[in-house]
Amino acid sequence: MKLTYEKLDMKNAEEVIVLMKTHWWYESTFYEKTQIEFKSEPKHWQAIFNQVNMIAVGGRNEEGELKSCYCSIVSPYMFNPDINSAACIGWYIDKDYRSPETIVQLLNEIDILCTENNVDIYSLSLPDGKHDRLIERLQTKDYFVQDINLIKVIK
């Protein structure tokens, strides 16, 4: 199932929130371990868009429903300000639309989005779990594993 992609911005915040809240958040290890409730609202997205350079792209099905997205914050790379880096906030493809083809399609759209926004490097966060096949596939497309992200809840 091919999706039609477009740049997303503040006007799409509610749709992104619904997509992420409905599936992505409550299926994540982050939620399982922290039990932190999803409280994102368009006003929070407005604050982020106003404070930082946020970029996003989303894919819609034939009915116009948002079924995939990628959101990141762009900033100069800490160790070389000549390089612009996009740090992944989140990316997701609805379960009914997941396939090797839709993953490649989204990755291609991320490349286009980053190129248009003068991004030199970007990150993808993968949820905890068994993703060896996905990691291997991404590595054939010039991605590399940099770090493992560990999280600790303080309170």
Protein backbone atom coordinates (compact mmCIF):
# COMPACT_ATOMS: atom_id res chain seq x y z
CA MET A 1 0.00 0.00 0.00
CA LYS A 2 1.69 3.13 -1.20
CA LEU A 3 1.27 6.29 0.82
CA THR A 4 1.34 9.85 -0.50
CA TYR A 5 3.87 12.00 1.36
CA GLU A 6 3.88 15.67 2.31
CA LYS A 7 5.79 17.97 4.62
CA LEU A 8 4.06 18.38 7.95
CA ASP A 9 3.95 21.47 10.12
CA MET A 10 1.97 22.97 12.97
CA LYS A 11 -1.36 22.55 11.19
CA ASN A 12 -0.81 18.76 11.25
CA ALA A 13 -0.01 18.54 14.96
CA GLU A 14 -3.37 17.05 15.96
CA GLU A 15 -3.07 14.28 13.35
CA VAL A 16 0.47 13.41 14.43
CA ILE A 17 -0.62 13.36 18.06
CA VAL A 18 -3.51 10.99 17.28
CA LEU A 19 -1.26 8.67 15.24
CA MET A 20 1.44 8.55 17.91
CA LYS A 21 -0.93 8.28 20.87
CA THR A 22 -3.14 5.63 19.34
CA HIS A 23 -0.39 3.16 18.65
CA TRP A 24 3.21 4.17 19.03
CA TRP A 25 3.25 5.49 22.61
CA TYR A 26 1.35 2.81 24.47
CA GLU A 27 3.16 -0.03 22.66
CA SER A 28 6.59 1.33 23.57
CA THR A 29 9.02 0.02 26.15
CA PHE A 30 9.30 3.63 27.33
CA TYR A 31 5.65 3.59 28.40
CA GLU A 32 5.87 0.05 29.78
CA LYS A 33 8.80 0.99 32.03
CA THR A 34 7.81 4.54 33.00
CA GLN A 35 4.00 4.56 32.84
CA ILE A 36 4.31 8.21 31.79
CA GLU A 37 1.02 9.21 30.23
CA PHE A 38 0.84 10.70 26.75
CA LYS A 39 -0.22 14.33 27.27
CA SER A 40 0.91 15.95 24.06
CA GLU A 41 -1.35 18.70 22.72
CA PRO A 42 -1.11 21.02 19.72
CA LYS A 43 -0.07 23.88 22.03
CA HIS A 44 3.01 21.86 23.04
CA TRP A 45 3.88 21.33 19.38
CA GLN A 46 3.46 25.06 18.76
CA ALA A 47 5.96 25.79 21.52
CA ILE A 48 8.45 23.33 20.01
CA PHE A 49 7.99 24.75 16.50
CA ASN A 50 8.52 28.28 17.90
CA GLN A 51 11.65 27.39 19.90
CA VAL A 52 13.53 25.05 17.58
CA ASN A 53 13.83 24.11 13.95
CA MET A 54 11.47 21.14 13.77
CA ILE A 55 10.91 19.25 10.51
CA ALA A 56 8.40 16.52 9.77
CA VAL A 57 7.03 14.45 6.91
CA GLY A 58 3.95 12.25 6.81
CA GLY A 59 2.31 9.69 4.56
CA ARG A 60 -1.40 9.53 3.85
CA ASN A 61 -3.52 6.67 2.56
CA GLU A 62 -6.05 7.02 -0.27
CA GLU A 63 -8.64 8.32 2.21
CA GLY A 64 -6.28 11.11 3.29
CA GLU A 65 -5.60 9.64 6.75
CA LEU A 66 -2.12 10.10 8.21
CA LYS A 67 -0.57 6.61 8.46
CA SER A 68 3.13 7.33 8.84
CA CYS A 69 5.36 10.15 9.97
CA TYR A 70 8.85 11.23 10.96
CA CYS A 71 9.56 14.24 13.20
CA SER A 72 12.95 15.63 14.17
CA ILE A 73 14.66 18.69 15.59
CA VAL A 74 17.42 20.23 13.46
CA SER A 75 20.44 21.88 15.04
CA PRO A 76 24.14 22.37 14.36
CA TYR A 77 26.08 19.25 15.32
CA MET A 78 27.63 19.77 18.74
CA PHE A 79 31.16 18.84 17.68
CA ASN A 80 31.16 20.54 14.27
CA PRO A 81 28.76 23.46 13.77
CA ASP A 82 29.23 23.27 9.98
CA ILE A 83 27.14 20.08 10.08
CA ASN A 84 23.35 20.22 10.57
CA SER A 85 21.95 17.27 12.45
CA ALA A 86 18.32 16.13 12.73
CA ALA A 87 17.60 14.35 16.01
CA CYS A 88 14.66 11.99 15.76
CA ILE A 89 11.69 12.79 17.98
CA GLY A 90 9.73 9.90 16.59
CA TRP A 91 8.80 7.96 13.48
CA TYR A 92 6.00 5.52 12.97
CA ILE A 93 4.15 3.53 10.33
CA ASP A 94 0.67 2.27 11.17
CA LYS A 95 0.68 -1.52 11.62
CA ASP A 96 -1.75 -2.01 8.74
CA TYR A 97 0.65 -0.20 6.39
CA ARG A 98 3.98 -1.70 7.50
CA SER A 99 5.94 -3.52 4.86
CA PRO A 100 9.50 -3.40 3.53
CA GLU A 101 8.22 -1.14 0.73
CA THR A 102 6.54 1.41 3.04
CA ILE A 103 9.62 1.53 5.26
CA VAL A 104 11.82 2.26 2.23
CA GLN A 105 9.29 4.82 1.00
CA LEU A 106 9.32 6.65 4.35
CA LEU A 107 13.13 6.54 4.50
CA ASN A 108 13.31 8.03 1.00
CA GLU A 109 10.93 10.81 2.07
CA ILE A 110 13.07 11.48 5.14
CA ASP A 111 16.12 11.83 2.86
CA ILE A 112 14.22 14.32 0.69
CA LEU A 113 12.99 16.28 3.73
CA CYS A 114 16.49 16.46 5.18
CA THR A 115 18.06 17.45 1.86
CA GLU A 116 15.51 20.26 1.41
CA ASN A 117 16.28 21.49 4.94
CA ASN A 118 20.09 21.39 4.58
CA VAL A 119 20.45 18.51 7.04
CA ASP A 120 23.73 16.62 6.75
CA ILE A 121 22.99 13.74 9.14
CA TYR A 122 19.86 12.43 10.82
CA SER A 123 18.98 9.79 13.36
CA LEU A 124 16.31 7.14 13.62
CA SER A 125 15.33 5.79 17.02
CA LEU A 126 14.25 2.16 17.14
CA PRO A 127 12.00 0.86 19.89
CA ASP A 128 13.41 -1.76 22.21
CA GLY A 129 12.96 -5.28 20.91
CA LYS A 130 14.19 -7.58 18.21
CA HIS A 131 15.09 -5.46 15.22
CA ASP A 132 18.13 -7.29 13.89
CA ARG A 133 16.61 -7.71 10.41
CA LEU A 134 15.60 -4.04 10.23
CA ILE A 135 19.02 -2.92 11.46
CA GLU A 136 20.76 -5.15 8.92
CA ARG A 137 18.56 -3.81 6.14
CA LEU A 138 19.18 -0.21 7.17
CA GLN A 139 22.91 -0.82 7.29
CA THR A 140 22.78 -1.87 3.62
CA LYS A 141 21.32 1.61 2.97
CA ASP A 142 24.27 3.44 4.60
CA TYR A 143 22.85 3.71 8.15
CA PHE A 144 25.13 2.77 11.04
CA VAL A 145 24.59 2.01 14.71
CA GLN A 146 26.10 4.75 16.86
CA ASP A 147 24.86 4.37 20.42
CA ILE A 148 22.42 2.48 22.55
CA ASN A 149 20.11 4.84 24.40
CA LEU A 150 19.58 3.96 28.07
CA ILE A 151 16.90 5.72 30.10
CA LYS A 152 16.52 5.96 33.85
CA VAL A 153 13.45 7.33 35.63
CA ILE A 154 14.54 9.56 38.52
CA LYS A 155 11.25 10.11 40.32
